[in-house]
Amino acid sequence: MQFSQLNLNPALLKAVEKMGFEEATPIQAQAIPPALAGRDIIGCAQTGTGKTAAFLLPTLHQLLSDQRKIKNPRAVVLAPTRELVIQVAGEARKLAGSTSVRIVSIYGGAKMRPQIDKLHRGADIIIATPGRLQDHMRRRNVNFKDLQILILDEADRMLDMGFLPDIKQIVSSMPRQRQTMLFSATMSPQVLNLTRQFQQNPEMIEIDIATPPETIRQTLYPVPKHLKTELLLALLEQMDVHSMLVFTATKQEADIVTRKLIEAKISVACIHGDFQQRQRISALEGFRAGKHQVLVATNIAARGLDVEGISHVINYDVPDNPENYVHRIGRTARAEAEGDAITLVTPDDEAMIYRIEYLLGYKIERKTLPDFDYDVPAPSWARPSPESLLRKREQSRSLADRWRSLSGGRRR
């Protein structure tokens, strides 16, 4: 469907054209018409499918249809992380660039005074993390009496991060008569319960749930745990890497990997929860501009990181659930481009790999790197006990049996 067929405000159509978009993605084509009609929306689609514009375009259209100058916000977008707030606000400003719509982003890790000043001057749309928005509510810097539209972006992630009490408190201060749009990458029972609490007869739209784009080449590289960093460096040497995103499980691991890459004379930046907001923004901007070839990150960047041209995603550590695997690798092959997703797999990871392959419905190709020495002995502190080796062998046999029963019905 062409954007011109969606009956959007002419200023928005010009902005979309300027951004280089002609055809609406499936989530946009299916969500925008009922959203324009004022319906509550549940939009479920994988990352990189255009969910942000799917809620921003109808929201901006409705605000432009009512030109009253109101100081209080008429729309609020709640998002789980500072990075996602910054990204959504950036896209909103591009779409509303030629209009008078006032957009204010609110998030922690930034000074309060500039945010207070912007709120006091007036905001049509507030894009915020729940915690910082509550801070402003307690200080009486924001009033929701004129609110018309509420959007919950990455709702599943907000629940995972424990924001439900904050969201409930925020929503309790809003008018009951409003339009509520909820967007999520997964539709868990917890998310569905959230829709029952906050929405009225919502329109459900589901697009390609938990399915990585076919343009992503997925590969598993089995490796002993103590050789993961060496294998990562060897892969970087042998592959044609334009820009690479490396995911680790912990902040400590991210720091270690970053230090090893720096020692190898590789241009690298790192983001995780211990960095100040200005440091995280600087790292992201440097990566986006090509100043850094590699960005090392914890799950903080698994969603909401919108960087074009990422050629490789490396799961240095296997994600903690199958859905996060899909979100992580979705950072590459954006907008139907091709990309590579490589996961380093230790014997301890086999149970999660089984769950990931079960979700995908097919086995992921396994490879070894030629000329890499996989037989380097582990240091004494890293050697497993005989008991743990026995448990791993038993677990591997069990997984093999389960995969044989699975592959008969789910392999592609």
Protein backbone atom coordinates (compact mmCIF):
# COMPACT_ATOMS: atom_id res chain seq x y z
CA MET A 1 0.00 0.00 0.00
CA GLN A 2 1.24 3.48 -0.88
CA PHE A 3 1.31 6.07 1.91
CA SER A 4 -0.73 8.31 -0.38
CA GLN A 5 -3.61 5.83 -0.02
CA LEU A 6 -3.79 6.25 3.77
CA ASN A 7 -5.53 9.66 3.75
CA LEU A 8 -2.86 11.25 5.93
CA ASN A 9 -2.34 14.97 6.42
CA PRO A 10 -0.47 16.42 3.40
CA ALA A 11 2.35 17.67 5.64
CA LEU A 12 2.92 14.13 6.87
CA LEU A 13 2.90 12.73 3.34
CA LYS A 14 5.56 15.27 2.34
CA ALA A 15 7.66 14.28 5.35
CA VAL A 16 7.33 10.58 4.51
CA GLU A 17 8.35 11.27 0.93
CA LYS A 18 11.32 13.34 2.11
CA MET A 19 12.43 10.43 4.31
CA GLY A 20 12.42 8.21 1.21
CA PHE A 21 9.43 6.01 2.08
CA GLU A 22 6.88 5.16 -0.58
CA GLU A 23 5.17 1.93 0.43
CA ALA A 24 3.82 1.27 3.91
CA THR A 25 5.11 -1.82 5.70
CA PRO A 26 2.50 -4.46 6.64
CA ILE A 27 2.20 -3.23 10.24
CA GLN A 28 1.76 0.34 9.01
CA ALA A 29 -0.78 -0.57 6.33
CA GLN A 30 -2.88 -2.55 8.79
CA ALA A 31 -2.55 -0.34 11.88
CA ILE A 32 -2.84 3.18 10.50
CA PRO A 33 -6.43 3.05 9.12
CA PRO A 34 -8.10 1.83 12.36
CA ALA A 35 -5.84 4.15 14.37
CA LEU A 36 -7.02 7.09 12.25
CA ALA A 37 -10.58 6.02 13.05
CA GLY A 38 -9.81 6.31 16.76
CA ARG A 39 -9.72 2.58 17.51
CA ASP A 40 -7.54 1.14 20.26
CA ILE A 41 -4.74 -0.86 18.64
CA ILE A 42 -2.66 -3.90 19.62
CA GLY A 43 0.22 -4.10 17.17
CA CYS A 44 2.49 -7.12 17.35
CA ALA A 45 5.42 -7.33 14.95
CA GLN A 46 9.12 -8.08 15.04
CA THR A 47 11.71 -5.33 15.32
CA GLY A 48 12.59 -3.38 12.20
CA THR A 49 9.11 -3.58 10.66
CA GLY A 50 8.10 0.07 11.05
CA LYS A 51 6.08 0.00 14.27
CA THR A 52 7.21 3.51 15.24
CA ALA A 53 5.70 5.19 12.19
CA ALA A 54 2.63 2.95 12.56
CA PHE A 55 1.68 4.83 15.73
CA LEU A 56 3.34 8.22 15.10
CA LEU A 57 1.64 8.93 11.77
CA PRO A 58 -1.98 8.51 12.97
CA THR A 59 -1.14 10.34 16.21
CA LEU A 60 0.34 13.32 14.37
CA HIS A 61 -2.55 13.30 11.88
CA GLN A 62 -5.10 13.57 14.68
CA LEU A 63 -3.19 16.36 16.41
CA LEU A 64 -2.93 18.29 13.14
CA SER A 65 -6.67 17.89 12.63
CA ASP A 66 -7.22 19.95 15.79
CA GLN A 67 -5.18 23.14 15.66
CA ARG A 68 -6.05 24.36 19.16
CA LYS A 69 -3.06 25.58 21.15
CA ILE A 70 -3.13 23.60 24.37
CA LYS A 71 -0.27 23.70 26.85
CA ASN A 72 -0.94 20.22 28.23
CA PRO A 73 0.06 17.13 26.23
CA ARG A 74 -2.52 15.55 23.96
CA ALA A 75 -0.46 12.40 23.33
CA VAL A 76 2.01 10.42 25.42
CA VAL A 77 4.37 7.68 24.22
CA LEU A 78 5.86 5.45 26.93
CA ALA A 79 9.02 3.50 26.01
CA PRO A 80 11.28 1.30 28.14
CA THR A 81 14.73 2.83 27.57
CA ARG A 82 16.38 6.20 27.05
CA GLU A 83 17.74 5.04 23.70
CA LEU A 84 14.28 4.15 22.45
CA VAL A 85 12.83 7.45 23.66
CA ILE A 86 15.56 9.32 21.77
CA GLN A 87 14.96 7.26 18.64
CA VAL A 88 11.15 7.66 18.69
CA ALA A 89 11.45 11.39 19.38
CA GLY A 90 13.88 11.73 16.49
CA GLU A 91 11.49 10.05 14.08
CA ALA A 92 8.58 12.09 15.41
CA ARG A 93 10.47 15.33 14.79
CA LYS A 94 11.30 14.27 11.23
CA LEU A 95 7.65 13.44 10.51
CA ALA A 96 6.40 16.65 12.14
CA GLY A 97 9.22 18.81 10.82
CA SER A 98 7.09 21.20 8.76
CA THR A 99 4.30 21.45 11.34
CA SER A 100 3.88 23.28 14.63
CA VAL A 101 3.52 20.10 16.70
CA ARG A 102 5.64 20.38 19.86
CA ILE A 103 7.51 17.20 20.83
CA VAL A 104 9.27 16.79 24.17
CA SER A 105 11.39 13.79 25.14
CA ILE A 106 11.64 12.88 28.84
CA TYR A 107 14.14 10.35 30.17
CA GLY A 108 16.46 9.70 33.07
CA GLY A 109 20.17 10.35 33.03
CA ALA A 110 19.57 13.89 31.72
CA LYS A 111 19.21 17.16 33.61
CA MET A 112 15.72 17.94 34.90
CA ARG A 113 15.74 21.72 34.33
CA PRO A 114 15.75 21.68 30.48
CA GLN A 115 12.92 19.12 30.53
CA ILE A 116 10.93 21.21 33.02
CA ASP A 117 11.37 24.33 30.89
CA LYS A 118 10.12 22.53 27.77
CA LEU A 119 7.11 21.11 29.61
CA HIS A 120 6.21 24.54 31.00
CA ARG A 121 6.37 26.04 27.51
CA GLY A 122 3.91 23.40 26.31
CA ALA A 123 4.07 19.98 24.65
CA ASP A 124 1.69 18.30 22.21
CA ILE A 125 3.47 14.94 22.42
CA ILE A 126 5.54 13.67 25.33
CA ILE A 127 7.81 10.70 24.63
CA ALA A 128 9.10 9.33 27.93
CA THR A 129 10.44 6.54 30.04
CA PRO A 130 8.01 5.67 32.86
CA GLY A 131 10.36 6.47 35.74
CA ARG A 132 11.32 9.99 34.64
CA LEU A 133 7.73 10.82 33.64
CA GLN A 134 6.63 9.91 37.17
CA ASP A 135 9.29 12.25 38.54
CA HIS A 136 7.73 15.12 36.57
CA MET A 137 4.24 14.10 37.66
CA ARG A 138 5.29 14.23 41.33
CA ARG A 139 6.70 17.72 40.74
CA ARG A 140 3.45 18.74 39.02
CA ASN A 141 5.28 19.59 35.81
CA VAL A 142 2.76 17.76 33.64
CA ASN A 143 -1.04 17.55 33.52
CA PHE A 144 -2.95 14.93 31.53
CA LYS A 145 -6.43 16.49 31.59
CA ASP A 146 -6.33 17.14 27.83
CA LEU A 147 -4.78 13.80 26.88
CA GLN A 148 -6.33 12.08 23.86
CA ILE A 149 -3.86 9.36 22.89
CA LEU A 150 -1.63 6.99 24.90
CA ILE A 151 0.94 4.74 23.22
CA LEU A 152 2.80 1.93 24.96
CA ASP A 153 5.84 1.09 22.82
CA GLU A 154 7.78 -2.16 23.37
CA ALA A 155 5.20 -3.15 25.98
CA ASP A 156 6.73 -6.59 26.53
CA ARG A 157 10.11 -5.05 27.24
CA MET A 158 8.59 -2.59 29.75
CA LEU A 159 7.00 -5.50 31.59
CA ASP A 160 10.29 -7.43 31.55
CA MET A 161 11.98 -4.41 33.13
CA GLY A 162 9.41 -4.18 35.95
CA PHE A 163 7.63 -1.01 34.83
CA LEU A 164 4.07 -2.32 35.34
CA PRO A 165 3.48 -0.46 38.67
CA ASP A 166 4.81 2.76 37.13
CA ILE A 167 2.63 2.37 34.04
CA LYS A 168 -0.46 1.73 36.17
CA GLN A 169 0.17 4.85 38.22
CA ILE A 170 0.72 6.98 35.11
CA VAL A 171 -2.40 5.67 33.37
CA SER A 172 -4.50 6.22 36.51
CA SER A 173 -3.83 9.96 36.10
CA MET A 174 -5.11 9.99 32.51
CA PRO A 175 -8.68 10.41 31.21
CA ARG A 176 -10.56 7.13 30.85
CA GLN A 177 -11.89 8.28 27.50
CA ARG A 178 -8.81 8.13 25.32
CA GLN A 179 -7.30 6.15 22.46
CA THR A 180 -4.70 3.62 23.59
CA MET A 181 -2.28 1.95 21.21
CA LEU A 182 -0.01 -0.84 22.43
CA PHE A 183 2.89 -2.14 20.35
CA SER A 184 5.01 -5.15 21.21
CA ALA A 185 7.45 -7.56 19.58
CA THR A 186 5.85 -10.52 21.42
CA MET A 187 2.33 -11.19 22.67
CA SER A 188 2.80 -12.90 26.04
CA PRO A 189 -0.02 -13.54 28.54
CA GLN A 190 1.32 -10.60 30.57
CA VAL A 191 1.02 -8.26 27.59
CA LEU A 192 -2.51 -9.49 26.86
CA ASN A 193 -3.44 -8.83 30.49
CA LEU A 194 -2.12 -5.30 30.07
CA THR A 195 -4.38 -4.75 27.07
CA ARG A 196 -7.42 -5.86 29.09
CA GLN A 197 -6.58 -3.30 31.78
CA PHE A 198 -5.94 -0.30 29.54
CA GLN A 199 -7.84 -0.81 26.27
CA GLN A 200 -11.41 -1.02 25.03
CA ASN A 201 -12.27 -3.42 22.20
CA PRO A 202 -8.83 -3.11 20.59
CA GLU A 203 -8.03 -4.01 17.00
CA MET A 204 -5.47 -6.85 17.05
CA ILE A 205 -2.79 -6.76 14.35
CA GLU A 206 -0.11 -9.46 14.26
CA ILE A 207 2.70 -9.48 11.70
CA ASP A 208 5.33 -12.25 11.42
CA ILE A 209 5.68 -12.95 15.11
CA ALA A 210 9.16 -14.08 16.18
CA THR A 211 10.38 -14.67 12.64
CA PRO A 212 13.76 -13.26 11.62
CA PRO A 213 13.92 -11.75 8.13
CA GLU A 214 14.98 -14.31 5.52
CA THR A 215 17.77 -11.95 4.44
CA ILE A 216 19.66 -12.68 7.68
CA ARG A 217 22.25 -15.44 7.35
CA GLN A 218 22.31 -17.19 10.74
CA THR A 219 25.30 -19.23 11.88
CA LEU A 220 26.36 -20.94 15.09
CA TYR A 221 30.05 -21.24 15.97
CA PRO A 222 30.64 -23.84 18.73
CA VAL A 223 33.62 -22.83 20.86
CA PRO A 224 35.03 -23.54 24.32
CA LYS A 225 34.09 -20.76 26.71
CA HIS A 226 37.69 -19.68 27.33
CA LEU A 227 38.31 -19.17 23.60
CA LYS A 228 35.31 -16.98 22.79
CA THR A 229 37.24 -13.71 22.66
CA GLU A 230 39.98 -15.23 20.48
CA LEU A 231 37.35 -16.61 18.09
CA LEU A 232 35.63 -13.22 17.91
CA LEU A 233 38.94 -11.57 16.96
CA ALA A 234 39.64 -14.28 14.37
CA LEU A 235 36.19 -13.80 12.83
CA LEU A 236 36.77 -10.05 12.60
CA GLU A 237 40.03 -10.68 10.76
CA GLN A 238 38.49 -13.03 8.20
CA MET A 239 35.13 -11.40 7.54
CA ASP A 240 34.29 -8.32 5.52
CA VAL A 241 32.79 -6.28 8.36
CA HIS A 242 31.25 -2.89 7.63
CA SER A 243 29.74 -2.40 11.07
CA MET A 244 29.29 -5.00 13.78
CA LEU A 245 27.09 -5.09 16.86
CA VAL A 246 28.34 -7.45 19.61
CA PHE A 247 25.94 -8.50 22.38
CA THR A 248 27.16 -9.68 25.78
CA ALA A 249 25.19 -10.96 28.74
CA THR A 250 26.74 -8.71 31.39
CA LYS A 251 28.31 -5.28 31.76
CA GLN A 252 31.54 -6.89 32.96
CA GLU A 253 31.73 -9.08 29.86
CA ALA A 254 31.07 -6.03 27.65
CA ASP A 255 33.99 -4.20 29.27
CA ILE A 256 36.31 -7.18 28.83
CA VAL A 257 35.41 -7.68 25.16
CA THR A 258 35.78 -3.95 24.49
CA ARG A 259 39.22 -3.89 26.08
CA LYS A 260 40.36 -6.90 24.01
CA LEU A 261 39.15 -5.25 20.80
CA ILE A 262 40.96 -2.02 21.66
CA GLU A 263 44.16 -4.01 22.27
CA ALA A 264 43.67 -5.53 18.80
CA LYS A 265 43.57 -1.99 17.31
CA ILE A 266 39.88 -2.25 16.38
CA SER A 267 37.74 0.87 16.50
CA VAL A 268 35.12 0.04 19.13
CA ALA A 269 32.57 1.71 21.40
CA CYS A 270 30.62 0.24 24.29
CA ILE A 271 27.25 0.92 25.92
CA HIS A 272 25.68 -0.56 29.03
CA GLY A 273 23.86 0.57 32.14
CA ASP A 274 26.93 1.96 33.93
CA PHE A 275 27.56 4.61 31.29
CA GLN A 276 26.12 8.09 31.66
CA GLN A 277 23.54 9.15 29.12
CA ARG A 278 25.87 11.54 27.29
CA GLN A 279 28.44 8.71 26.97
CA ARG A 280 25.83 6.33 25.55
CA ILE A 281 24.59 8.91 23.07
CA SER A 282 28.17 9.65 22.01
CA ALA A 283 28.89 5.94 21.50
CA LEU A 284 25.72 5.42 19.45
CA GLU A 285 26.32 8.51 17.32
CA GLY A 286 29.93 7.47 16.70
CA PHE A 287 28.81 3.99 15.65
CA ARG A 288 26.03 5.36 13.48
CA ALA A 289 28.43 7.78 11.77
CA GLY A 290 30.99 5.04 11.07
CA LYS A 291 33.56 6.36 13.52
CA HIS A 292 33.47 3.00 15.33
CA GLN A 293 33.47 -0.27 13.40
CA VAL A 294 32.18 -2.27 16.38
CA LEU A 295 29.65 -1.50 19.10
CA VAL A 296 29.63 -3.77 22.15
CA ALA A 297 26.39 -3.73 24.12
CA THR A 298 24.32 -5.54 26.68
CA ASN A 299 20.60 -6.14 26.09
CA ILE A 300 20.01 -2.42 26.62
CA ALA A 301 20.53 -2.06 22.86
CA ALA A 302 18.66 -5.17 21.72
CA ARG A 303 15.56 -3.13 20.99
CA GLY A 304 15.15 0.36 19.76
CA LEU A 305 18.62 0.63 18.26
CA ASP A 306 17.98 2.04 14.80
CA VAL A 307 21.24 2.07 12.86
CA GLU A 308 21.26 1.52 9.12
CA GLY A 309 23.89 -0.65 7.51
CA ILE A 310 24.82 -2.99 10.37
CA SER A 311 26.42 -5.84 8.46
CA HIS A 312 27.00 -8.25 11.35
CA VAL A 313 25.42 -9.05 14.69
CA ILE A 314 27.49 -11.24 17.01
CA ASN A 315 25.92 -12.95 19.99
CA TYR A 316 29.08 -13.19 22.07
CA ASP A 317 26.81 -14.63 24.76
CA VAL A 318 23.68 -16.58 23.83
CA PRO A 319 20.53 -14.58 24.75
CA ASP A 320 18.54 -15.57 27.82
CA ASN A 321 15.39 -16.41 25.83
CA PRO A 322 14.48 -17.18 22.21
CA GLU A 323 12.57 -13.93 21.67
CA ASN A 324 15.63 -11.89 22.59
CA TYR A 325 17.59 -13.85 19.99
CA VAL A 326 15.14 -12.65 17.33
CA HIS A 327 15.30 -9.07 18.60
CA ARG A 328 19.09 -9.05 18.66
CA ILE A 329 19.68 -10.43 15.20
CA GLY A 330 16.99 -8.11 13.85
CA ARG A 331 19.46 -5.25 14.25
CA THR A 332 20.99 -6.35 10.95
CA ALA A 333 19.27 -6.81 7.57
CA ARG A 334 17.09 -3.75 8.20
CA ALA A 335 14.76 -2.62 5.44
CA GLU A 336 15.20 -5.88 3.49
CA ALA A 337 18.99 -5.57 3.29
CA GLU A 338 21.18 -8.61 3.86
CA GLY A 339 23.10 -9.27 7.05
CA ASP A 340 24.91 -11.90 9.09
CA ALA A 341 24.00 -13.08 12.58
CA ILE A 342 26.67 -15.17 14.30
CA THR A 343 26.27 -16.81 17.70
CA LEU A 344 29.17 -18.17 19.73
CA VAL A 345 27.96 -21.34 21.41
CA THR A 346 29.56 -23.07 24.40
CA PRO A 347 28.46 -26.49 25.72
CA ASP A 348 26.51 -24.66 28.45
CA ASP A 349 24.41 -22.92 25.78
CA GLU A 350 22.97 -26.00 24.09
CA ALA A 351 19.69 -25.99 26.03
CA MET A 352 18.94 -22.41 24.96
CA ILE A 353 19.99 -23.11 21.36
CA TYR A 354 17.45 -25.93 21.35
CA ARG A 355 14.74 -23.50 22.49
CA ILE A 356 15.77 -20.94 19.85
CA GLU A 357 15.69 -23.54 17.07
CA TYR A 358 12.34 -24.81 18.30
CA LEU A 359 10.90 -21.30 18.10
CA LEU A 360 12.33 -20.76 14.62
CA GLY A 361 11.19 -24.17 13.42
CA TYR A 362 14.52 -25.09 11.84
CA LYS A 363 18.12 -25.83 12.77
CA ILE A 364 20.71 -23.09 12.43
CA GLU A 365 23.83 -23.90 10.44
CA ARG A 366 26.90 -24.72 12.53
CA LYS A 367 30.38 -23.80 11.35
CA THR A 368 33.97 -23.89 12.51
CA LEU A 369 36.62 -21.39 11.53
CA PRO A 370 39.44 -22.90 9.45
CA ASP A 371 42.92 -22.67 10.99
CA PHE A 372 41.55 -21.66 14.39
CA ASP A 373 43.04 -23.71 17.23
CA TYR A 374 40.07 -25.00 19.21
CA ASP A 375 42.31 -27.28 21.33
CA VAL A 376 44.06 -24.63 23.40
CA PRO A 377 43.65 -25.92 26.97
CA ALA A 378 41.58 -23.92 29.40
CA PRO A 379 43.33 -22.24 32.31
CA SER A 380 42.93 -24.08 35.58
CA TRP A 381 40.27 -21.68 36.86
CA ALA A 382 38.09 -22.30 33.79
CA ARG A 383 38.18 -26.10 33.76
CA PRO A 384 34.86 -27.80 34.56
CA SER A 385 34.58 -30.47 37.22
CA PRO A 386 34.01 -34.12 36.21
CA GLU A 387 30.51 -33.91 37.67
CA SER A 388 29.56 -30.94 35.49
CA LEU A 389 30.96 -32.68 32.41
CA LEU A 390 28.76 -35.68 33.11
CA ARG A 391 25.69 -33.47 33.49
CA LYS A 392 26.45 -31.74 30.18
CA ARG A 393 26.80 -35.06 28.35
CA GLU A 394 23.46 -36.24 29.72
CA GLN A 395 21.86 -32.93 28.81
CA SER A 396 23.26 -33.09 25.26
CA ARG A 397 21.87 -36.60 24.75
CA SER A 398 18.46 -35.43 25.97
CA LEU A 399 18.52 -32.41 23.65
CA ALA A 400 19.51 -34.59 20.70
CA ASP A 401 16.58 -36.90 21.37
CA ARG A 402 14.17 -33.99 21.60
CA TRP A 403 15.49 -32.40 18.40
CA ARG A 404 15.06 -35.64 16.48
CA SER A 405 11.41 -35.72 17.49
CA LEU A 406 11.05 -32.01 16.68
CA SER A 407 12.73 -31.96 13.29
CA GLY A 408 10.24 -34.33 11.73
CA GLY A 409 7.48 -31.74 11.92
CA ARG A 410 9.13 -28.32 12.07
CA ARG A 411 12.19 -28.32 9.83
CA ARG A 412 11.87 -26.06 6.77
